[in-house]
Amino acid sequence: MWSFPNIIPLSAPRVEGVVNSLKPYKFDRIHGAFAERTIWSDGKGVLERSAARYLKMIRGDGTYELQDFSAAAVGQG
């Protein structure tokens, strides 16, 4: 996750703060800076999975980014 205006990667505590501040709310939609970046459903789940993936990557041992996320590798190809 990035601080979009500054294109600076956010720290783990900052990302956790964003996720925790949104936990009490129910929402499906997330509007991005551009129309094609809108998440139309499961916005809260998308946010939580994205944050978890980001935190795992910045806190990990480097193996996360070496995983094969291609469609064939995850059974969708």
Protein backbone atom coordinates (compact mmCIF):
# COMPACT_ATOMS: atom_id res chain seq x y z
CA MET A 1 0.00 0.00 0.00
CA TRP A 2 1.21 3.43 -0.84
CA SER A 3 0.59 6.93 0.30
CA PHE A 4 -0.72 7.76 -3.17
CA PRO A 5 0.01 11.51 -3.21
CA ASN A 6 3.61 10.93 -2.16
CA ILE A 7 4.13 7.43 -3.60
CA ILE A 8 5.74 6.42 -0.31
CA PRO A 9 5.23 2.88 1.01
CA LEU A 10 3.25 2.86 4.23
CA SER A 11 4.65 1.26 7.36
CA ALA A 12 3.05 -1.82 8.91
CA PRO A 13 1.65 0.11 11.91
CA ARG A 14 0.09 2.68 9.57
CA VAL A 15 -1.58 -0.02 7.42
CA GLU A 16 -2.84 -1.77 10.56
CA GLY A 17 -4.22 1.56 11.77
CA VAL A 18 -6.17 2.05 8.54
CA VAL A 19 -7.62 -1.48 8.68
CA ASN A 20 -8.46 -1.20 12.39
CA SER A 21 -10.14 2.18 11.95
CA LEU A 22 -12.46 0.69 9.30
CA LYS A 23 -13.35 -2.53 11.18
CA PRO A 24 -16.53 -1.14 12.79
CA TYR A 25 -18.02 -0.22 9.42
CA LYS A 26 -19.85 -2.35 6.88
CA PHE A 27 -19.07 -1.54 3.26
CA ASP A 28 -18.97 -3.23 -0.11
CA ARG A 29 -17.68 -0.54 -2.45
CA ILE A 30 -14.31 1.21 -2.56
CA HIS A 31 -13.85 4.07 -5.00
CA GLY A 32 -10.38 4.50 -6.43
CA ALA A 33 -8.81 7.57 -7.96
CA PHE A 34 -10.00 6.39 -11.38
CA ALA A 35 -13.35 4.87 -12.39
CA GLU A 36 -11.81 1.57 -13.52
CA ARG A 37 -10.26 1.15 -10.07
CA THR A 38 -13.59 0.95 -8.22
CA ILE A 39 -14.22 -2.23 -6.24
CA TRP A 40 -17.94 -2.89 -6.58
CA SER A 41 -18.46 -5.70 -4.07
CA ASP A 42 -16.77 -7.23 -1.02
CA GLY A 43 -14.79 -4.03 -0.50
CA LYS A 44 -14.15 -4.76 3.16
CA GLY A 45 -12.88 -8.25 2.37
CA VAL A 46 -10.71 -6.93 -0.47
CA LEU A 47 -9.22 -4.31 1.87
CA GLU A 48 -8.50 -6.86 4.59
CA ARG A 49 -6.94 -9.40 2.20
CA SER A 50 -4.87 -6.74 0.50
CA ALA A 51 -3.59 -5.40 3.82
CA ALA A 52 -2.79 -8.91 5.08
CA ARG A 53 -0.88 -9.67 1.86
CA TYR A 54 1.04 -6.39 2.10
CA LEU A 55 1.90 -6.93 5.78
CA LYS A 56 3.04 -10.48 5.11
CA MET A 57 5.28 -9.22 2.33
CA ILE A 58 6.95 -6.39 4.24
CA ARG A 59 7.38 -8.43 7.43
CA GLY A 60 8.37 -11.69 5.78
CA ASP A 61 11.61 -13.36 4.91
CA GLY A 62 11.36 -12.60 1.19
CA THR A 63 9.70 -15.85 0.12
CA TYR A 64 6.23 -14.34 -0.35
CA GLU A 65 7.15 -12.42 -3.50
CA LEU A 66 8.79 -15.54 -4.95
CA GLN A 67 5.49 -17.44 -4.97
CA ASP A 68 3.85 -18.23 -8.32
CA PHE A 69 0.53 -16.36 -8.44
CA SER A 70 -0.19 -17.13 -12.09
CA ALA A 71 -3.67 -18.43 -12.95
CA ALA A 72 -2.26 -21.86 -13.78
CA ALA A 73 -0.53 -22.11 -10.41
CA VAL A 74 -3.72 -21.34 -8.47
CA GLY A 75 -5.86 -23.69 -10.53
CA GLN A 76 -7.63 -21.13 -12.69
CA GLY A 77 -5.81 -21.72 -15.94
